[in-house]
Amino acid sequence: AFARGACVVILSDGLERGDHSDLETAMRRFSA
């Protein structure tokens, strides 16, 4: 609920290890 209608800023280098499918799914949900 904190993300709904919010400005979400992720502070990270984005270096995901291995399969990135979970990261892609999470970002799509955050974007929505």
PDB file of all heavy atoms in Angstrom:
ATOM      1  N   ALA A   1       0.822  -1.213   0.000  1.00  0.00           N
ATOM      2  CA  ALA A   1       0.000   0.000   0.000  1.00  0.00           C
ATOM      3  C   ALA A   1       0.856   1.262   0.000  1.00  0.00           C
ATOM      4  O   ALA A   1       0.418   2.308  -0.483  1.00  0.00           O
ATOM      5  CB  ALA A   1      -0.933   0.002   1.212  1.00  0.00           C
ATOM      6  N   PHE A   2       2.080   1.186   0.537  1.00  0.00           N
ATOM      7  CA  PHE A   2       2.957   2.357   0.539  1.00  0.00           C
ATOM      8  C   PHE A   2       3.331   2.778  -0.879  1.00  0.00           C
ATOM      9  O   PHE A   2       3.631   3.949  -1.130  1.00  0.00           O
ATOM     10  CB  PHE A   2       4.241   2.072   1.321  1.00  0.00           C
ATOM     11  CG  PHE A   2       4.029   1.840   2.794  1.00  0.00           C
ATOM     12  CD1 PHE A   2       4.801   0.909   3.483  1.00  0.00           C
ATOM     13  CD2 PHE A   2       3.070   2.533   3.491  1.00  0.00           C
ATOM     14  CE1 PHE A   2       4.623   0.689   4.838  1.00  0.00           C
ATOM     15  CE2 PHE A   2       2.874   2.316   4.851  1.00  0.00           C
ATOM     16  CZ  PHE A   2       3.653   1.395   5.525  1.00  0.00           C
ATOM     17  N   ALA A   3       3.334   1.831  -1.805  1.00  0.00           N
ATOM     18  CA  ALA A   3       3.752   2.124  -3.179  1.00  0.00           C
ATOM     19  C   ALA A   3       2.622   2.673  -4.043  1.00  0.00           C
ATOM     20  O   ALA A   3       2.881   3.255  -5.090  1.00  0.00           O
ATOM     21  CB  ALA A   3       4.321   0.871  -3.838  1.00  0.00           C
ATOM     22  N   ARG A   4       1.379   2.519  -3.591  1.00  0.00           N
ATOM     23  CA  ARG A   4       0.252   2.905  -4.435  1.00  0.00           C
ATOM     24  C   ARG A   4       0.193   4.424  -4.579  1.00  0.00           C
ATOM     25  O   ARG A   4       0.027   5.162  -3.627  1.00  0.00           O
ATOM     26  CB  ARG A   4      -1.052   2.368  -3.846  1.00  0.00           C
ATOM     27  CG  ARG A   4      -2.262   2.549  -4.752  1.00  0.00           C
ATOM     28  CD  ARG A   4      -3.469   1.807  -4.243  1.00  0.00           C
ATOM     29  NE  ARG A   4      -3.238   0.359  -4.243  1.00  0.00           N
ATOM     30  CZ  ARG A   4      -3.193  -0.377  -3.141  1.00  0.00           C
ATOM     31  NH1 ARG A   4      -3.323   0.188  -1.958  1.00  0.00           N
ATOM     32  NH2 ARG A   4      -2.993  -1.672  -3.217  1.00  0.00           N
ATOM     33  N   GLY A   5       0.330   4.910  -5.806  1.00  0.00           N
ATOM     34  CA  GLY A   5       0.275   6.337  -6.071  1.00  0.00           C
ATOM     35  C   GLY A   5       1.482   7.113  -5.577  1.00  0.00           C
ATOM     36  O   GLY A   5       1.448   8.342  -5.536  1.00  0.00           O
ATOM     37  N   ALA A   6       2.565   6.429  -5.235  1.00  0.00           N
ATOM     38  CA  ALA A   6       3.737   7.075  -4.640  1.00  0.00           C
ATOM     39  C   ALA A   6       4.838   7.290  -5.667  1.00  0.00           C
ATOM     40  O   ALA A   6       4.831   6.710  -6.761  1.00  0.00           O
ATOM     41  CB  ALA A   6       4.270   6.231  -3.482  1.00  0.00           C
ATOM     42  N   CYS A   7       5.793   8.129  -5.302  1.00  0.00           N
ATOM     43  CA  CYS A   7       7.046   8.241  -6.040  1.00  0.00           C
ATOM     44  C   CYS A   7       8.003   7.208  -5.438  1.00  0.00           C
ATOM     45  O   CYS A   7       8.450   7.357  -4.297  1.00  0.00           O
ATOM     46  CB  CYS A   7       7.634   9.641  -5.908  1.00  0.00           C
ATOM     47  SG  CYS A   7       6.623  10.935  -6.628  1.00  0.00           S
ATOM     48  N   VAL A   8       8.275   6.157  -6.165  1.00  0.00           N
ATOM     49  CA  VAL A   8       9.109   5.063  -5.679  1.00  0.00           C
ATOM     50  C   VAL A   8      10.509   5.235  -6.260  1.00  0.00           C
ATOM     51  O   VAL A   8      10.684   5.245  -7.482  1.00  0.00           O
ATOM     52  CB  VAL A   8       8.528   3.697  -6.077  1.00  0.00           C
ATOM     53  CG1 VAL A   8       9.427   2.574  -5.564  1.00  0.00           C
ATOM     54  CG2 VAL A   8       7.114   3.542  -5.548  1.00  0.00           C
ATOM     55  N   VAL A   9      11.505   5.369  -5.379  1.00  0.00           N
ATOM     56  CA  VAL A   9      12.896   5.521  -5.805  1.00  0.00           C
ATOM     57  C   VAL A   9      13.690   4.346  -5.246  1.00  0.00           C
ATOM     58  O   VAL A   9      13.779   4.182  -4.020  1.00  0.00           O
ATOM     59  CB  VAL A   9      13.496   6.858  -5.322  1.00  0.00           C
ATOM     60  CG1 VAL A   9      14.934   6.990  -5.822  1.00  0.00           C
ATOM     61  CG2 VAL A   9      12.652   8.032  -5.806  1.00  0.00           C
ATOM     62  N   ILE A  10      14.241   3.522  -6.126  1.00  0.00           N
ATOM     63  CA  ILE A  10      15.058   2.379  -5.734  1.00  0.00           C
ATOM     64  C   ILE A  10      16.517   2.780  -5.880  1.00  0.00           C
ATOM     65  O   ILE A  10      16.951   3.160  -6.984  1.00  0.00           O
ATOM     66  CB  ILE A  10      14.731   1.148  -6.593  1.00  0.00           C
ATOM     67  CG1 ILE A  10      13.250   0.791  -6.463  1.00  0.00           C
ATOM     68  CG2 ILE A  10      15.606  -0.033  -6.188  1.00  0.00           C
ATOM     69  CD1 ILE A  10      12.814  -0.318  -7.390  1.00  0.00           C
ATOM     70  N   LEU A  11      17.260   2.704  -4.787  1.00  0.00           N
ATOM     71  CA  LEU A  11      18.665   3.087  -4.777  1.00  0.00           C
ATOM     72  C   LEU A  11      19.498   1.809  -4.812  1.00  0.00           C
ATOM     73  O   LEU A  11      19.736   1.168  -3.787  1.00  0.00           O
ATOM     74  CB  LEU A  11      18.982   3.913  -3.527  1.00  0.00           C
ATOM     75  CG  LEU A  11      18.078   5.137  -3.296  1.00  0.00           C
ATOM     76  CD1 LEU A  11      18.372   5.791  -1.957  1.00  0.00           C
ATOM     77  CD2 LEU A  11      18.250   6.142  -4.418  1.00  0.00           C
ATOM     78  N   SER A  12      19.948   1.436  -6.003  1.00  0.00           N
ATOM     79  CA  SER A  12      20.640   0.159  -6.167  1.00  0.00           C
ATOM     80  C   SER A  12      21.432   0.178  -7.461  1.00  0.00           C
ATOM     81  O   SER A  12      21.110   0.923  -8.399  1.00  0.00           O
ATOM     82  CB  SER A  12      19.632  -0.992  -6.195  1.00  0.00           C
ATOM     83  OG  SER A  12      20.243  -2.213  -6.538  1.00  0.00           O
ATOM     84  N   ASP A  13      22.466  -0.668  -7.518  1.00  0.00           N
ATOM     85  CA  ASP A  13      23.222  -0.789  -8.761  1.00  0.00           C
ATOM     86  C   ASP A  13      22.510  -1.685  -9.771  1.00  0.00           C
ATOM     87  O   ASP A  13      22.911  -1.762 -10.928  1.00  0.00           O
ATOM     88  CB  ASP A  13      24.638  -1.305  -8.499  1.00  0.00           C
ATOM     89  CG  ASP A  13      24.653  -2.574  -7.656  1.00  0.00           C
ATOM     90  OD1 ASP A  13      23.592  -3.225  -7.552  1.00  0.00           O
ATOM     91  OD2 ASP A  13      25.706  -2.899  -7.090  1.00  0.00           O
ATOM     92  N   GLY A  14      21.457  -2.383  -9.339  1.00  0.00           N
ATOM     93  CA  GLY A  14      20.701  -3.232 -10.252  1.00  0.00           C
ATOM     94  C   GLY A  14      21.432  -4.486 -10.685  1.00  0.00           C
ATOM     95  O   GLY A  14      21.041  -5.111 -11.672  1.00  0.00           O
ATOM     96  N   LEU A  15      22.471  -4.871  -9.946  1.00  0.00           N
ATOM     97  CA  LEU A  15      23.250  -6.057 -10.316  1.00  0.00           C
ATOM     98  C   LEU A  15      22.580  -7.288  -9.726  1.00  0.00           C
ATOM     99  O   LEU A  15      22.907  -7.731  -8.634  1.00  0.00           O
ATOM    100  CB  LEU A  15      24.693  -5.926  -9.811  1.00  0.00           C
ATOM    101  CG  LEU A  15      25.493  -4.780 -10.416  1.00  0.00           C
ATOM    102  CD1 LEU A  15      26.899  -4.728  -9.814  1.00  0.00           C
ATOM    103  CD2 LEU A  15      25.560  -4.915 -11.935  1.00  0.00           C
ATOM    104  N   GLU A  16      21.629  -7.846 -10.451  1.00  0.00           N
ATOM    105  CA  GLU A  16      20.915  -9.038 -10.003  1.00  0.00           C
ATOM    106  C   GLU A  16      21.697 -10.276 -10.379  1.00  0.00           C
ATOM    107  O   GLU A  16      22.215 -10.386 -11.493  1.00  0.00           O
ATOM    108  CB  GLU A  16      19.521  -9.077 -10.641  1.00  0.00           C
ATOM    109  CG  GLU A  16      18.676 -10.266 -10.227  1.00  0.00           C
ATOM    110  CD  GLU A  16      18.202 -10.192  -8.785  1.00  0.00           C
ATOM    111  OE1 GLU A  16      18.961  -9.656  -7.945  1.00  0.00           O
ATOM    112  OE2 GLU A  16      17.100 -10.664  -8.490  1.00  0.00           O
ATOM    113  N   ARG A  17      21.786 -11.197  -9.421  1.00  0.00           N
ATOM    114  CA  ARG A  17      22.507 -12.440  -9.655  1.00  0.00           C
ATOM    115  C   ARG A  17      21.580 -13.481 -10.274  1.00  0.00           C
ATOM    116  O   ARG A  17      20.442 -13.634  -9.881  1.00  0.00           O
ATOM    117  CB  ARG A  17      23.065 -12.973  -8.335  1.00  0.00           C
ATOM    118  CG  ARG A  17      24.019 -12.026  -7.617  1.00  0.00           C
ATOM    119  CD  ARG A  17      25.371 -12.024  -8.237  1.00  0.00           C
ATOM    120  NE  ARG A  17      26.044 -13.308  -8.063  1.00  0.00           N
ATOM    121  CZ  ARG A  17      27.307 -13.534  -8.332  1.00  0.00           C
ATOM    122  NH1 ARG A  17      28.059 -12.550  -8.802  1.00  0.00           N
ATOM    123  NH2 ARG A  17      27.844 -14.704  -8.142  1.00  0.00           N
ATOM    124  N   GLY A  18      22.070 -14.206 -11.258  1.00  0.00           N
ATOM    125  CA  GLY A  18      21.306 -15.304 -11.835  1.00  0.00           C
ATOM    126  C   GLY A  18      20.107 -14.816 -12.645  1.00  0.00           C
ATOM    127  O   GLY A  18      20.148 -13.790 -13.317  1.00  0.00           O
ATOM    128  N   ASP A  19      19.029 -15.584 -12.564  1.00  0.00           N
ATOM    129  CA  ASP A  19      17.824 -15.301 -13.335  1.00  0.00           C
ATOM    130  C   ASP A  19      17.201 -13.990 -12.863  1.00  0.00           C
ATOM    131  O   ASP A  19      17.039 -13.761 -11.667  1.00  0.00           O
ATOM    132  CB  ASP A  19      16.833 -16.457 -13.147  1.00  0.00           C
ATOM    133  CG  ASP A  19      15.598 -16.280 -14.017  1.00  0.00           C
ATOM    134  OD1 ASP A  19      15.646 -15.459 -14.945  1.00  0.00           O
ATOM    135  OD2 ASP A  19      14.589 -16.958 -13.742  1.00  0.00           O
ATOM    136  N   HIS A  20      16.841 -13.115 -13.808  1.00  0.00           N
ATOM    137  CA  HIS A  20      16.284 -11.816 -13.455  1.00  0.00           C
ATOM    138  C   HIS A  20      14.771 -11.771 -13.630  1.00  0.00           C
ATOM    139  O   HIS A  20      14.181 -10.684 -13.635  1.00  0.00           O
ATOM    140  CB  HIS A  20      16.920 -10.720 -14.311  1.00  0.00           C
ATOM    141  CG  HIS A  20      16.727 -10.914 -15.784  1.00  0.00           C
ATOM    142  ND1 HIS A  20      17.665 -11.561 -16.564  1.00  0.00           N
ATOM    143  CD2 HIS A  20      15.710 -10.580 -16.611  1.00  0.00           C
ATOM    144  CE1 HIS A  20      17.231 -11.594 -17.813  1.00  0.00           C
ATOM    145  NE2 HIS A  20      16.041 -10.998 -17.867  1.00  0.00           N
ATOM    146  N   SER A  21      14.121 -12.919 -13.773  1.00  0.00           N
ATOM    147  CA  SER A  21      12.673 -12.933 -14.005  1.00  0.00           C
ATOM    148  C   SER A  21      11.908 -12.363 -12.816  1.00  0.00           C
ATOM    149  O   SER A  21      10.909 -11.655 -12.996  1.00  0.00           O
ATOM    150  CB  SER A  21      12.196 -14.352 -14.319  1.00  0.00           C
ATOM    151  OG  SER A  21      12.510 -15.238 -13.252  1.00  0.00           O
ATOM    152  N   ASP A  22      12.363 -12.663 -11.582  1.00  0.00           N
ATOM    153  CA  ASP A  22      11.695 -12.106 -10.398  1.00  0.00           C
ATOM    154  C   ASP A  22      11.811 -10.584 -10.370  1.00  0.00           C
ATOM    155  O   ASP A  22      10.856  -9.882 -10.024  1.00  0.00           O
ATOM    156  CB  ASP A  22      12.298 -12.687  -9.115  1.00  0.00           C
ATOM    157  CG  ASP A  22      11.850 -14.115  -8.853  1.00  0.00           C
ATOM    158  OD1 ASP A  22      10.868 -14.539  -9.490  1.00  0.00           O
ATOM    159  OD2 ASP A  22      12.469 -14.798  -8.027  1.00  0.00           O
ATOM    160  N   LEU A  23      12.983 -10.075 -10.729  1.00  0.00           N
ATOM    161  CA  LEU A  23      13.180  -8.626 -10.743  1.00  0.00           C
ATOM    162  C   LEU A  23      12.279  -7.975 -11.798  1.00  0.00           C
ATOM    163  O   LEU A  23      11.664  -6.933 -11.544  1.00  0.00           O
ATOM    164  CB  LEU A  23      14.648  -8.306 -11.035  1.00  0.00           C
ATOM    165  CG  LEU A  23      15.008  -6.820 -11.145  1.00  0.00           C
ATOM    166  CD1 LEU A  23      14.673  -6.083  -9.859  1.00  0.00           C
ATOM    167  CD2 LEU A  23      16.475  -6.657 -11.490  1.00  0.00           C
ATOM    168  N   GLU A  24      12.179  -8.592 -12.954  1.00  0.00           N
ATOM    169  CA  GLU A  24      11.332  -8.047 -14.018  1.00  0.00           C
ATOM    170  C   GLU A  24       9.865  -8.032 -13.582  1.00  0.00           C
ATOM    171  O   GLU A  24       9.142  -7.048 -13.793  1.00  0.00           O
ATOM    172  CB  GLU A  24      11.498  -8.880 -15.283  1.00  0.00           C
ATOM    173  CG  GLU A  24      10.806  -8.300 -16.497  1.00  0.00           C
ATOM    174  CD  GLU A  24      11.071  -9.139 -17.742  1.00  0.00           C
ATOM    175  OE1 GLU A  24      11.795 -10.155 -17.640  1.00  0.00           O
ATOM    176  OE2 GLU A  24      10.546  -8.762 -18.802  1.00  0.00           O
ATOM    177  N   THR A  25       9.430  -9.112 -12.941  1.00  0.00           N
ATOM    178  CA  THR A  25       8.049  -9.177 -12.449  1.00  0.00           C
ATOM    179  C   THR A  25       7.789  -8.116 -11.398  1.00  0.00           C
ATOM    180  O   THR A  25       6.761  -7.423 -11.421  1.00  0.00           O
ATOM    181  CB  THR A  25       7.768 -10.565 -11.863  1.00  0.00           C
ATOM    182  OG1 THR A  25       7.974 -11.561 -12.866  1.00  0.00           O
ATOM    183  CG2 THR A  25       6.342 -10.662 -11.341  1.00  0.00           C
ATOM    184  N   ALA A  26       8.732  -7.968 -10.457  1.00  0.00           N
ATOM    185  CA  ALA A  26       8.560  -6.975  -9.395  1.00  0.00           C
ATOM    186  C   ALA A  26       8.483  -5.564  -9.959  1.00  0.00           C
ATOM    187  O   ALA A  26       7.650  -4.754  -9.525  1.00  0.00           O
ATOM    188  CB  ALA A  26       9.711  -7.086  -8.400  1.00  0.00           C
ATOM    189  N   MET A  27       9.330  -5.249 -10.937  1.00  0.00           N
ATOM    190  CA  MET A  27       9.323  -3.906 -11.508  1.00  0.00           C
ATOM    191  C   MET A  27       8.021  -3.619 -12.257  1.00  0.00           C
ATOM    192  O   MET A  27       7.493  -2.500 -12.200  1.00  0.00           O
ATOM    193  CB  MET A  27      10.523  -3.736 -12.441  1.00  0.00           C
ATOM    194  CG  MET A  27      11.850  -3.605 -11.716  1.00  0.00           C
ATOM    195  SD  MET A  27      11.869  -2.172 -10.612  1.00  0.00           S
ATOM    196  CE  MET A  27      13.565  -2.185 -10.069  1.00  0.00           C
ATOM    197  N   ARG A  28       7.500  -4.607 -12.943  1.00  0.00           N
ATOM    198  CA  ARG A  28       6.216  -4.400 -13.628  1.00  0.00           C
ATOM    199  C   ARG A  28       5.109  -4.117 -12.619  1.00  0.00           C
ATOM    200  O   ARG A  28       4.255  -3.249 -12.839  1.00  0.00           O
ATOM    201  CB  ARG A  28       5.858  -5.623 -14.474  1.00  0.00           C
ATOM    202  CG  ARG A  28       6.657  -5.758 -15.759  1.00  0.00           C
ATOM    203  CD  ARG A  28       5.916  -6.644 -16.753  1.00  0.00           C
ATOM    204  NE  ARG A  28       5.552  -7.932 -16.152  1.00  0.00           N
ATOM    205  CZ  ARG A  28       6.301  -9.027 -16.229  1.00  0.00           C
ATOM    206  NH1 ARG A  28       7.447  -8.987 -16.883  1.00  0.00           N
ATOM    207  NH2 ARG A  28       5.908 -10.155 -15.678  1.00  0.00           N
ATOM    208  N   ARG A  29       5.131  -4.828 -11.504  1.00  0.00           N
ATOM    209  CA  ARG A  29       4.095  -4.616 -10.484  1.00  0.00           C
ATOM    210  C   ARG A  29       4.264  -3.257  -9.803  1.00  0.00           C
ATOM    211  O   ARG A  29       3.284  -2.578  -9.513  1.00  0.00           O
ATOM    212  CB  ARG A  29       4.142  -5.743  -9.457  1.00  0.00           C
ATOM    213  CG  ARG A  29       3.736  -7.096 -10.038  1.00  0.00           C
ATOM    214  CD  ARG A  29       3.797  -8.195  -8.992  1.00  0.00           C
ATOM    215  NE  ARG A  29       3.467  -9.491  -9.562  1.00  0.00           N
ATOM    216  CZ  ARG A  29       3.521 -10.638  -8.891  1.00  0.00           C
ATOM    217  NH1 ARG A  29       3.895 -10.624  -7.609  1.00  0.00           N
ATOM    218  NH2 ARG A  29       3.194 -11.774  -9.478  1.00  0.00           N
ATOM    219  N   PHE A  30       5.499  -2.886  -9.539  1.00  0.00           N
ATOM    220  CA  PHE A  30       5.734  -1.555  -8.977  1.00  0.00           C
ATOM    221  C   PHE A  30       5.246  -0.476  -9.939  1.00  0.00           C
ATOM    222  O   PHE A  30       4.626   0.507  -9.529  1.00  0.00           O
ATOM    223  CB  PHE A  30       7.220  -1.358  -8.681  1.00  0.00           C
ATOM    224  CG  PHE A  30       7.619  -1.684  -7.280  1.00  0.00           C
ATOM    225  CD1 PHE A  30       8.438  -2.767  -7.016  1.00  0.00           C
ATOM    226  CD2 PHE A  30       7.199  -0.901  -6.217  1.00  0.00           C
ATOM    227  CE1 PHE A  30       8.815  -3.071  -5.721  1.00  0.00           C
ATOM    228  CE2 PHE A  30       7.568  -1.201  -4.927  1.00  0.00           C
ATOM    229  CZ  PHE A  30       8.373  -2.286  -4.661  1.00  0.00           C
ATOM    230  N   SER A  31       5.545  -0.644 -11.213  1.00  0.00           N
ATOM    231  CA  SER A  31       5.152   0.342 -12.207  1.00  0.00           C
ATOM    232  C   SER A  31       3.643   0.505 -12.265  1.00  0.00           C
ATOM    233  O   SER A  31       3.126   1.611 -12.459  1.00  0.00           O
ATOM    234  CB  SER A  31       5.696  -0.053 -13.584  1.00  0.00           C
ATOM    235  OG  SER A  31       5.359   0.895 -14.562  1.00  0.00           O
ATOM    236  N   ALA A  32       2.916  -0.608 -12.081  1.00  0.00           N
ATOM    237  CA  ALA A  32       1.456  -0.549 -12.115  1.00  0.00           C
ATOM    238  C   ALA A  32       0.884   0.170 -10.900  1.00  0.00           C
ATOM    239  O   ALA A  32      -0.191   0.771 -10.980  1.00  0.00           O
ATOM    240  CB  ALA A  32       0.885  -1.965 -12.204  1.00  0.00           C
TER     241      ALA A  32
END
